[in-house]
């Protein structure tokens, strides 16, 4: 029987990497070319202008207009969408059988929302932890409750 190929996505709102597990005793290894990052920027760095001003409906006073979306949250959601698109493409090409996701809680929600229904069927576990700073050779310690490495 062919062993399951399990991919482990480790992500937050700005960084991600994918590791692979090819069966009992094989451990986990990084997949070449599956490291992603974007420069973390604050709202003030994303939005170069001050918010606009609007007149009040009553009187002559003016107040600052609120941005309709949080630019940092939008940027992180776009990053999660890009990750989901890559995973959807690779799953459709049968690159992996199962998927384990370790992600910061906000990123986890963004990734979950962005994954296709087909790829969601491959999700073995979702663990809301940011392990992006944990070295690859220590990831197996975090997998012990999910699967045998």
Protein backbone atom coordinates (compact mmCIF):
# COMPACT_ATOMS: atom_id res chain seq x y z
CA UNK A 1 0.00 0.00 0.00
CA UNK A 2 1.33 3.41 -0.99
CA UNK A 3 2.01 5.67 2.02
CA UNK A 4 0.11 8.91 2.28
CA UNK A 5 1.99 12.05 1.37
CA UNK A 6 1.16 14.68 3.95
CA UNK A 7 1.95 18.33 3.49
CA UNK A 8 2.33 20.57 6.53
CA UNK A 9 1.57 24.25 5.95
CA UNK A 10 3.14 26.57 8.51
CA UNK A 11 1.89 30.12 8.13
CA UNK A 12 1.03 33.48 9.59
CA UNK A 13 -0.18 36.63 7.84
CA UNK A 14 3.16 37.36 6.19
CA UNK A 15 5.25 34.16 6.07
CA UNK A 16 4.62 30.56 5.10
CA UNK A 17 6.42 27.36 4.25
CA UNK A 18 5.36 23.86 3.32
CA UNK A 19 6.94 20.68 4.66
CA UNK A 20 6.36 17.12 3.50
CA UNK A 21 5.97 13.80 5.29
CA UNK A 22 6.10 10.69 3.10
CA UNK A 23 5.29 7.96 5.58
CA UNK A 24 6.15 6.40 8.89
CA UNK A 25 9.73 7.08 9.95
CA UNK A 26 10.47 9.50 7.12
CA UNK A 27 10.29 12.63 9.28
CA UNK A 28 9.45 15.97 7.72
CA UNK A 29 11.41 17.85 5.09
CA UNK A 30 11.08 21.23 3.42
CA UNK A 31 9.71 21.32 -0.11
CA UNK A 32 11.98 23.31 -2.37
CA UNK A 33 10.33 26.45 -3.70
CA UNK A 34 7.47 26.35 -1.18
CA UNK A 35 8.66 29.21 1.05
CA UNK A 36 6.61 32.39 0.84
CA UNK A 37 6.87 35.77 2.50
CA UNK A 38 5.82 39.34 2.18
CA UNK A 39 7.24 42.33 3.96
CA UNK A 40 5.17 43.09 7.03
CA UNK A 41 3.90 46.64 6.77
CA UNK A 42 1.88 48.76 9.16
CA UNK A 43 -1.29 50.56 8.10
CA UNK A 44 0.57 53.86 7.89
CA UNK A 45 3.11 52.34 5.50
CA UNK A 46 0.38 50.91 3.26
CA UNK A 47 -1.77 54.03 3.23
CA UNK A 48 0.40 56.99 2.32
CA UNK A 49 -2.25 59.68 2.67
CA UNK A 50 -4.16 60.94 5.64
CA UNK A 51 -7.81 59.92 5.68
CA UNK A 52 -10.11 62.24 3.78
CA UNK A 53 -12.42 64.70 5.50
CA UNK A 54 -16.17 64.94 5.14
CA UNK A 55 -18.74 67.50 6.17
CA UNK A 56 -21.20 66.47 8.85
CA UNK A 57 -24.81 65.99 7.77
CA UNK A 58 -25.86 68.54 10.37
CA UNK A 59 -23.90 71.75 10.74
CA UNK A 60 -20.63 72.84 9.23
CA UNK A 61 -18.17 70.65 11.12
CA UNK A 62 -15.89 68.21 9.32
CA UNK A 63 -14.54 64.88 10.49
CA UNK A 64 -12.05 62.31 9.25
CA UNK A 65 -13.41 59.51 7.11
CA UNK A 66 -12.70 55.94 8.17
CA UNK A 67 -11.07 53.59 5.67
CA UNK A 68 -13.67 50.99 4.61
CA UNK A 69 -11.22 48.12 5.19
CA UNK A 70 -8.19 47.53 7.35
CA UNK A 71 -5.28 47.54 4.86
CA UNK A 72 -3.16 45.16 6.95
CA UNK A 73 -6.02 42.65 7.26
CA UNK A 74 -6.68 42.94 3.51
CA UNK A 75 -3.02 42.32 2.72
CA UNK A 76 -2.95 39.27 5.00
CA UNK A 77 -6.18 37.92 3.46
CA UNK A 78 -4.65 38.33 0.00
CA UNK A 79 -1.57 36.41 1.17
CA UNK A 80 -3.80 33.61 2.51
CA UNK A 81 -5.67 33.52 -0.81
CA UNK A 82 -2.37 33.14 -2.68
CA UNK A 83 -1.39 30.24 -0.39
CA UNK A 84 -4.79 28.60 -0.85
CA UNK A 85 -4.51 28.94 -4.64
CA UNK A 86 -1.11 27.20 -4.59
CA UNK A 87 -2.43 24.39 -2.35
CA UNK A 88 -5.55 23.97 -4.49
CA UNK A 89 -3.42 23.69 -7.63
CA UNK A 90 -0.99 21.19 -6.07
CA UNK A 91 -3.83 19.09 -4.61
CA UNK A 92 -5.56 18.93 -7.98
CA UNK A 93 -2.27 17.60 -9.40
CA UNK A 94 -2.14 14.94 -6.64
CA UNK A 95 1.07 16.33 -5.08
CA UNK A 96 -0.25 15.43 -1.61
CA UNK A 97 -2.98 13.31 -0.05
CA UNK A 98 -3.41 15.02 3.31
CA UNK A 99 -2.82 18.51 4.66
CA UNK A 100 -2.00 19.69 8.17
CA UNK A 101 -2.21 23.42 8.79
CA UNK A 102 -0.36 25.24 11.56
CA UNK A 103 -1.25 28.92 11.34
CA UNK A 104 -1.73 31.96 13.52
CA UNK A 105 -5.45 32.12 14.43
CA UNK A 106 -6.31 35.02 12.09
CA UNK A 107 -4.34 33.47 9.23
CA UNK A 108 -6.02 30.11 9.91
CA UNK A 109 -9.43 31.67 9.33
CA UNK A 110 -8.28 33.41 6.16
CA UNK A 111 -6.74 30.20 4.78
CA UNK A 112 -9.80 28.12 5.71
CA UNK A 113 -12.08 30.60 3.91
CA UNK A 114 -9.85 30.64 0.82
CA UNK A 115 -9.33 26.88 0.30
CA UNK A 116 -11.47 25.13 -2.29
CA UNK A 117 -13.97 22.52 -1.12
CA UNK A 118 -11.87 19.79 -2.77
CA UNK A 119 -8.72 20.75 -0.87
CA UNK A 120 -10.67 21.06 2.39
CA UNK A 121 -11.42 17.33 2.14
CA UNK A 122 -7.67 16.67 2.43
CA UNK A 123 -7.27 18.66 5.67
CA UNK A 124 -6.28 16.24 8.42
CA UNK A 125 -5.88 18.88 11.14
CA UNK A 126 -5.91 22.63 11.74
CA UNK A 127 -3.81 23.80 14.66
CA UNK A 128 -4.09 27.52 15.49
CA UNK A 129 -0.41 28.09 16.35
CA UNK A 130 2.17 30.32 14.72
CA UNK A 131 5.19 28.05 14.19
CA UNK A 132 6.86 30.16 11.51
CA UNK A 133 9.89 30.74 13.76
CA UNK A 134 10.23 27.07 14.75
CA UNK A 135 13.02 25.25 12.85
CA UNK A 136 11.94 22.45 10.49
CA UNK A 137 13.67 19.76 12.55
CA UNK A 138 11.49 20.63 15.56
CA UNK A 139 8.12 20.55 13.76
CA UNK A 140 7.68 16.81 14.35
CA UNK A 141 7.31 17.52 18.09
CA UNK A 142 4.21 19.57 17.30
CA UNK A 143 2.79 16.85 15.05
CA UNK A 144 2.72 14.08 17.69
CA UNK A 145 -0.96 14.69 18.57
CA UNK A 146 -1.99 14.72 14.91
CA UNK A 147 -0.03 11.93 13.25
CA UNK A 148 2.87 9.52 13.67
CA UNK A 149 6.03 10.93 12.16
